[in-house]
PDB file of N, CA and C in Angstrom:
ATOM      1  N   MET A   1    -142.227  41.959  15.491  1.00  0.00           N
ATOM      2  CA  MET A   1    -143.216  41.132  14.915  1.00  0.00           C
ATOM      3  C   MET A   1    -144.138  41.992  14.091  1.00  0.00           C
ATOM      4  N   LEU A   2    -144.440  41.549  12.899  1.00  0.00           N
ATOM      5  CA  LEU A   2    -145.400  42.201  11.997  1.00  0.00           C
ATOM      6  C   LEU A   2    -146.844  42.010  12.435  1.00  0.00           C
ATOM      7  N   ASN A   3    -147.697  42.976  12.117  1.00  0.00           N
ATOM      8  CA  ASN A   3    -149.110  42.836  12.581  1.00  0.00           C
ATOM      9  C   ASN A   3    -149.766  41.525  11.930  1.00  0.00           C
ATOM     10  N   CYS A   4    -149.350  41.188  10.646  1.00  0.00           N
ATOM     11  CA  CYS A   4    -149.882  40.057  10.042  1.00  0.00           C
ATOM     12  C   CYS A   4    -149.446  38.735  10.660  1.00  0.00           C
ATOM     13  N   GLU A   5    -148.499  38.780  11.584  1.00  0.00           N
ATOM     14  CA  GLU A   5    -148.026  37.591  12.356  1.00  0.00           C
ATOM     15  C   GLU A   5    -148.592  37.501  13.739  1.00  0.00           C
ATOM     16  N   ARG A   6    -149.414  38.457  14.133  1.00  0.00           N
ATOM     17  CA  ARG A   6    -149.992  38.454  15.516  1.00  0.00           C
ATOM     18  C   ARG A   6    -151.297  37.747  15.491  1.00  0.00           C
ATOM     19  N   ASN A   7    -151.397  36.711  16.342  1.00  0.00           N
ATOM     20  CA  ASN A   7    -152.554  35.865  16.404  1.00  0.00           C
ATOM     21  C   ASN A   7    -153.419  36.303  17.644  1.00  0.00           C
ATOM     22  N   THR A   8    -154.187  37.344  17.413  1.00  0.00           N
ATOM     23  CA  THR A   8    -155.012  37.830  18.485  1.00  0.00           C
ATOM     24  C   THR A   8    -156.466  38.003  17.924  1.00  0.00           C
ATOM     25  N   PRO A   9    -157.482  38.017  18.757  1.00  0.00           N
ATOM     26  CA  PRO A   9    -158.837  38.281  18.273  1.00  0.00           C
ATOM     27  C   PRO A   9    -158.939  39.683  17.648  1.00  0.00           C
ATOM     28  N   ALA A  10    -158.319  40.676  18.314  1.00  0.00           N
ATOM     29  CA  ALA A  10    -158.336  42.027  17.805  1.00  0.00           C
ATOM     30  C   ALA A  10    -157.728  42.156  16.410  1.00  0.00           C
ATOM     31  N   MET A  11    -156.575  41.396  16.191  1.00  0.00           N
ATOM     32  CA  MET A  11    -155.979  41.483  14.889  1.00  0.00           C
ATOM     33  C   MET A  11    -156.792  40.735  13.838  1.00  0.00           C
ATOM     34  N   GLN A  12    -157.432  39.684  14.193  1.00  0.00           N
ATOM     35  CA  GLN A  12    -158.375  39.040  13.292  1.00  0.00           C
ATOM     36  C   GLN A  12    -159.468  39.924  12.815  1.00  0.00           C
ATOM     37  N   ARG A  13    -160.095  40.602  13.793  1.00  0.00           N
ATOM     38  CA  ARG A  13    -161.132  41.592  13.409  1.00  0.00           C
ATOM     39  C   ARG A  13    -160.625  42.647  12.498  1.00  0.00           C
ATOM     40  N   ARG A  14    -159.471  43.188  12.789  1.00  0.00           N
ATOM     41  CA  ARG A  14    -158.893  44.257  11.954  1.00  0.00           C
ATOM     42  C   ARG A  14    -158.543  43.766  10.536  1.00  0.00           C
ATOM     43  N   ILE A  15    -158.059  42.498  10.439  1.00  0.00           N
ATOM     44  CA  ILE A  15    -157.748  41.994   9.086  1.00  0.00           C
ATOM     45  C   ILE A  15    -159.004  41.683   8.358  1.00  0.00           C
ATOM     46  N   ALA A  16    -160.004  41.137   8.991  1.00  0.00           N
ATOM     47  CA  ALA A  16    -161.293  40.847   8.347  1.00  0.00           C
ATOM     48  C   ALA A  16    -161.951  42.173   7.809  1.00  0.00           C
ATOM     49  N   LYS A  17    -161.885  43.212   8.626  1.00  0.00           N
ATOM     50  CA  LYS A  17    -162.399  44.495   8.148  1.00  0.00           C
ATOM     51  C   LYS A  17    -161.662  45.015   6.942  1.00  0.00           C
ATOM     52  N   ALA A  18    -160.320  44.902   6.903  1.00  0.00           N
ATOM     53  CA  ALA A  18    -159.523  45.343   5.840  1.00  0.00           C
ATOM     54  C   ALA A  18    -159.849  44.508   4.592  1.00  0.00           C
ATOM     55  N   ALA A  19    -160.012  43.191   4.726  1.00  0.00           N
ATOM     56  CA  ALA A  19    -160.275  42.308   3.609  1.00  0.00           C
ATOM     57  C   ALA A  19    -161.668  42.644   3.017  1.00  0.00           C
ATOM     58  N   ARG A  20    -162.693  42.896   3.872  1.00  0.00           N
ATOM     59  CA  ARG A  20    -164.009  43.229   3.369  1.00  0.00           C
ATOM     60  C   ARG A  20    -163.931  44.511   2.509  1.00  0.00           C
ATOM     61  N   ALA A  21    -163.114  45.461   3.000  1.00  0.00           N
ATOM     62  CA  ALA A  21    -162.992  46.674   2.249  1.00  0.00           C
ATOM     63  C   ALA A  21    -162.221  46.520   0.981  1.00  0.00           C
ATOM     64  N   HIS A  22    -161.173  45.789   1.025  1.00  0.00           N
ATOM     65  CA  HIS A  22    -160.263  45.541  -0.141  1.00  0.00           C
ATOM     66  C   HIS A  22    -161.002  44.772  -1.244  1.00  0.00           C
ATOM     67  N   PHE A  23    -161.717  43.740  -0.872  1.00  0.00           N
ATOM     68  CA  PHE A  23    -162.377  42.871  -1.854  1.00  0.00           C
ATOM     69  C   PHE A  23    -163.804  43.301  -2.096  1.00  0.00           C
ATOM     70  N   ASP A  24    -164.330  44.338  -1.431  1.00  0.00           N
ATOM     71  CA  ASP A  24    -165.684  44.880  -1.569  1.00  0.00           C
ATOM     72  C   ASP A  24    -166.688  43.716  -1.429  1.00  0.00           C
ATOM     73  N   ARG A  25    -166.476  42.935  -0.295  1.00  0.00           N
ATOM     74  CA  ARG A  25    -167.406  41.797  -0.005  1.00  0.00           C
ATOM     75  C   ARG A  25    -167.783  41.886   1.453  1.00  0.00           C
ATOM     76  N   GLY A  26    -168.993  41.378   1.695  1.00  0.00           N
ATOM     77  CA  GLY A  26    -169.438  41.335   3.030  1.00  0.00           C
ATOM     78  C   GLY A  26    -169.024  40.092   3.827  1.00  0.00           C
ATOM     79  N   LYS A  27    -168.618  39.124   2.977  1.00  0.00           N
ATOM     80  CA  LYS A  27    -168.238  37.764   3.601  1.00  0.00           C
ATOM     81  C   LYS A  27    -166.830  37.394   3.191  1.00  0.00           C
ATOM     82  N   VAL A  28    -165.961  37.283   4.155  1.00  0.00           N
ATOM     83  CA  VAL A  28    -164.602  36.764   4.003  1.00  0.00           C
ATOM     84  C   VAL A  28    -164.347  35.875   5.256  1.00  0.00           C
ATOM     85  N   SER A  29    -163.464  34.909   5.106  1.00  0.00           N
ATOM     86  CA  SER A  29    -163.016  34.100   6.222  1.00  0.00           C
ATOM     87  C   SER A  29    -161.518  34.421   6.483  1.00  0.00           C
ATOM     88  N   THR A  30    -161.209  34.446   7.746  1.00  0.00           N
ATOM     89  CA  THR A  30    -159.772  34.624   8.090  1.00  0.00           C
ATOM     90  C   THR A  30    -159.260  33.416   8.855  1.00  0.00           C
ATOM     91  N   VAL A  31    -158.037  33.015   8.601  1.00  0.00           N
ATOM     92  CA  VAL A  31    -157.411  31.831   9.262  1.00  0.00           C
ATOM     93  C   VAL A  31    -156.042  32.176   9.604  1.00  0.00           C
ATOM     94  N   TYR A  32    -155.684  31.875  10.784  1.00  0.00           N
ATOM     95  CA  TYR A  32    -154.240  32.016  11.204  1.00  0.00           C
ATOM     96  C   TYR A  32    -153.529  30.645  11.132  1.00  0.00           C
ATOM     97  N   GLU A  33    -152.581  30.543  10.276  1.00  0.00           N
ATOM     98  CA  GLU A  33    -151.880  29.282  10.003  1.00  0.00           C
ATOM     99  C   GLU A  33    -150.486  29.525   9.537  1.00  0.00           C
ATOM    100  N   HIS A  34    -149.516  28.740   9.921  1.00  0.00           N
ATOM    101  CA  HIS A  34    -148.141  28.850   9.571  1.00  0.00           C
ATOM    102  C   HIS A  34    -147.566  30.215   9.918  1.00  0.00           C
ATOM    103  N   GLY A  35    -147.991  30.785  11.073  1.00  0.00           N
ATOM    104  CA  GLY A  35    -147.476  31.970  11.608  1.00  0.00           C
ATOM    105  C   GLY A  35    -147.894  33.256  10.931  1.00  0.00           C
ATOM    106  N   GLN A  36    -148.980  33.201  10.152  1.00  0.00           N
ATOM    107  CA  GLN A  36    -149.462  34.426   9.563  1.00  0.00           C
ATOM    108  C   GLN A  36    -150.960  34.259   9.272  1.00  0.00           C
ATOM    109  N   TRP A  37    -151.682  35.374   8.950  1.00  0.00           N
ATOM    110  CA  TRP A  37    -153.059  35.381   8.601  1.00  0.00           C
ATOM    111  C   TRP A  37    -153.257  35.135   7.085  1.00  0.00           C
ATOM    112  N   TRP A  38    -154.405  34.481   6.830  1.00  0.00           N
ATOM    113  CA  TRP A  38    -154.808  34.166   5.410  1.00  0.00           C
ATOM    114  C   TRP A  38    -156.273  34.650   5.357  1.00  0.00           C
ATOM    115  N   VAL A  39    -156.635  35.013   4.147  1.00  0.00           N
ATOM    116  CA  VAL A  39    -158.047  35.386   3.830  1.00  0.00           C
ATOM    117  C   VAL A  39    -158.528  34.430   2.767  1.00  0.00           C
ATOM    118  N   LEU A  40    -159.751  33.863   3.013  1.00  0.00           N
ATOM    119  CA  LEU A  40    -160.398  32.900   2.091  1.00  0.00           C
ATOM    120  C   LEU A  40    -161.749  33.590   1.647  1.00  0.00           C
ATOM    121  N   LEU A  41    -161.884  33.611   0.384  1.00  0.00           N
ATOM    122  CA  LEU A  41    -163.151  34.173  -0.172  1.00  0.00           C
ATOM    123  C   LEU A  41    -164.079  33.052  -0.533  1.00  0.00           C
ATOM    124  N   PRO A  42    -165.356  33.302  -0.613  1.00  0.00           N
ATOM    125  CA  PRO A  42    -166.379  32.286  -0.933  1.00  0.00           C
ATOM    126  C   PRO A  42    -166.180  31.663  -2.295  1.00  0.00           C
ATOM    127  N   ASN A  43    -165.515  32.302  -3.192  1.00  0.00           N
ATOM    128  CA  ASN A  43    -165.221  31.706  -4.505  1.00  0.00           C
ATOM    129  C   ASN A  43    -164.025  30.757  -4.570  1.00  0.00           C
ATOM    130  N   GLY A  44    -163.424  30.517  -3.368  1.00  0.00           N
ATOM    131  CA  GLY A  44    -162.298  29.652  -3.287  1.00  0.00           C
ATOM    132  C   GLY A  44    -160.977  30.283  -3.387  1.00  0.00           C
ATOM    133  N   ALA A  45    -160.918  31.529  -3.722  1.00  0.00           N
ATOM    134  CA  ALA A  45    -159.629  32.200  -3.816  1.00  0.00           C
ATOM    135  C   ALA A  45    -158.999  32.397  -2.384  1.00  0.00           C
ATOM    136  N   GLN A  46    -157.689  32.235  -2.246  1.00  0.00           N
ATOM    137  CA  GLN A  46    -157.025  32.356  -0.988  1.00  0.00           C
ATOM    138  C   GLN A  46    -155.880  33.376  -1.154  1.00  0.00           C
ATOM    139  N   TYR A  47    -155.721  34.223  -0.071  1.00  0.00           N
ATOM    140  CA  TYR A  47    -154.727  35.274  -0.085  1.00  0.00           C
ATOM    141  C   TYR A  47    -153.937  35.273   1.206  1.00  0.00           C
ATOM    142  N   SER A  48    -152.639  35.532   1.143  1.00  0.00           N
ATOM    143  CA  SER A  48    -151.832  35.701   2.303  1.00  0.00           C
ATOM    144  C   SER A  48    -151.920  37.184   2.621  1.00  0.00           C
ATOM    145  N   VAL A  49    -152.013  37.546   3.932  1.00  0.00           N
ATOM    146  CA  VAL A  49    -152.048  38.868   4.458  1.00  0.00           C
ATOM    147  C   VAL A  49    -150.604  39.393   4.677  1.00  0.00           C
ATOM    148  N   ILE A  50    -150.372  40.614   4.132  1.00  0.00           N
ATOM    149  CA  ILE A  50    -149.124  41.261   4.388  1.00  0.00           C
ATOM    150  C   ILE A  50    -149.295  42.651   4.935  1.00  0.00           C
ATOM    151  N   ASP A  51    -148.398  43.078   5.739  1.00  0.00           N
ATOM    152  CA  ASP A  51    -148.377  44.500   6.279  1.00  0.00           C
ATOM    153  C   ASP A  51    -148.050  45.415   5.073  1.00  0.00           C
ATOM    154  N   ALA A  52    -148.724  46.493   4.944  1.00  0.00           N
ATOM    155  CA  ALA A  52    -148.499  47.493   3.878  1.00  0.00           C
ATOM    156  C   ALA A  52    -148.982  48.830   4.256  1.00  0.00           C
ATOM    157  N   GLU A  53    -148.464  49.853   3.566  1.00  0.00           N
ATOM    158  CA  GLU A  53    -148.979  51.194   3.725  1.00  0.00           C
ATOM    159  C   GLU A  53    -148.890  51.896   2.472  1.00  0.00           C
ATOM    160  N   GLY A  54    -149.682  52.971   2.358  1.00  0.00           N
ATOM    161  CA  GLY A  54    -149.689  53.804   1.135  1.00  0.00           C
ATOM    162  C   GLY A  54    -151.084  53.966   0.629  1.00  0.00           C
ATOM    163  N   PRO A  55    -151.250  54.642  -0.517  1.00  0.00           N
ATOM    164  CA  PRO A  55    -152.598  54.919  -1.067  1.00  0.00           C
ATOM    165  C   PRO A  55    -153.333  53.617  -1.389  1.00  0.00           C
ATOM    166  N   GLY A  56    -154.546  53.610  -1.067  1.00  0.00           N
ATOM    167  CA  GLY A  56    -155.400  52.400  -1.407  1.00  0.00           C
ATOM    168  C   GLY A  56    -155.191  51.182  -0.425  1.00  0.00           C
ATOM    169  N   ILE A  57    -154.455  51.384   0.559  1.00  0.00           N
ATOM    170  CA  ILE A  57    -154.210  50.292   1.572  1.00  0.00           C
ATOM    171  C   ILE A  57    -155.138  50.393   2.687  1.00  0.00           C
ATOM    172  N   ALA A  58    -155.967  49.342   2.920  1.00  0.00           N
ATOM    173  CA  ALA A  58    -156.978  49.388   4.032  1.00  0.00           C
ATOM    174  C   ALA A  58    -156.420  48.827   5.296  1.00  0.00           C
ATOM    175  N   GLN A  59    -156.504  49.602   6.330  1.00  0.00           N
ATOM    176  CA  GLN A  59    -156.158  49.151   7.672  1.00  0.00           C
ATOM    177  C   GLN A  59    -154.730  48.717   7.851  1.00  0.00           C
ATOM    178  N   GLY A  60    -153.824  49.067   6.928  1.00  0.00           N
ATOM    179  CA  GLY A  60    -152.455  48.696   6.992  1.00  0.00           C
ATOM    180  C   GLY A  60    -152.117  47.299   6.444  1.00  0.00           C
ATOM    181  N   PHE A  61    -152.972  46.709   5.695  1.00  0.00           N
ATOM    182  CA  PHE A  61    -152.784  45.395   5.120  1.00  0.00           C
ATOM    183  C   PHE A  61    -152.952  45.404   3.618  1.00  0.00           C
ATOM    184  N   ASP A  62    -152.334  44.484   3.017  1.00  0.00           N
ATOM    185  CA  ASP A  62    -152.559  44.137   1.601  1.00  0.00           C
ATOM    186  C   ASP A  62    -152.648  42.671   1.500  1.00  0.00           C
ATOM    187  N   PHE A  63    -153.094  42.176   0.268  1.00  0.00           N
ATOM    188  CA  PHE A  63    -153.368  40.723   0.184  1.00  0.00           C
ATOM    189  C   PHE A  63    -152.741  40.149  -1.141  1.00  0.00           C
ATOM    190  N   GLU A  64    -152.014  39.104  -0.976  1.00  0.00           N
ATOM    191  CA  GLU A  64    -151.375  38.467  -2.054  1.00  0.00           C
ATOM    192  C   GLU A  64    -152.047  37.164  -2.404  1.00  0.00           C
ATOM    193  N   GLN A  65    -152.485  37.071  -3.628  1.00  0.00           N
ATOM    194  CA  GLN A  65    -153.291  35.826  -4.044  1.00  0.00           C
ATOM    195  C   GLN A  65    -152.288  34.648  -4.141  1.00  0.00           C
ATOM    196  N   VAL A  66    -152.689  33.522  -3.497  1.00  0.00           N
ATOM    197  CA  VAL A  66    -151.886  32.276  -3.539  1.00  0.00           C
ATOM    198  C   VAL A  66    -152.714  31.148  -4.208  1.00  0.00           C
ATOM    199  N   THR A  67    -154.014  31.257  -4.225  1.00  0.00           N
ATOM    200  CA  THR A  67    -154.866  30.307  -4.922  1.00  0.00           C
ATOM    201  C   THR A  67    -155.908  31.067  -5.691  1.00  0.00           C
ATOM    202  N   PRO A  68    -156.061  30.751  -6.955  1.00  0.00           N
ATOM    203  CA  PRO A  68    -157.057  31.461  -7.847  1.00  0.00           C
ATOM    204  C   PRO A  68    -158.479  30.967  -7.439  1.00  0.00           C
ATOM    205  N   PRO A  69    -159.507  31.714  -7.881  1.00  0.00           N
ATOM    206  CA  PRO A  69    -160.874  31.285  -7.563  1.00  0.00           C
ATOM    207  C   PRO A  69    -161.150  29.897  -8.233  1.00  0.00           C
ATOM    208  N   ASP A  70    -162.089  29.264  -7.651  1.00  0.00           N
ATOM    209  CA  ASP A  70    -162.577  27.988  -8.271  1.00  0.00           C
ATOM    210  C   ASP A  70    -163.193  28.267  -9.639  1.00  0.00           C
ATOM    211  N   ASP A  71    -163.100  27.281 -10.587  1.00  0.00           N
ATOM    212  CA  ASP A  71    -163.798  27.403 -11.836  1.00  0.00           C
ATOM    213  C   ASP A  71    -165.268  27.124 -11.683  1.00  0.00           C
ATOM    214  N   ASP A  72    -166.089  27.900 -12.332  1.00  0.00           N
ATOM    215  CA  ASP A  72    -167.533  27.724 -12.210  1.00  0.00           C
ATOM    216  C   ASP A  72    -167.995  26.751 -13.281  1.00  0.00           C
TER     217      ASP A  72
END
């Protein structure tokens, strides 16, 4: 099982920390749905969480945009 598929409070905290670092934001929301974690930003953008490694990867996760930000 991939880390991004684990539905535990500890994994939620880890993913939220990685998302805050990746997006350079203090506020992100995390949701576990359809067997994986998702990150929602205040601007309406939504990202699926994927396991990743390498330079620039925070906490072992990367984020794939599935919904663009809302129009202002």
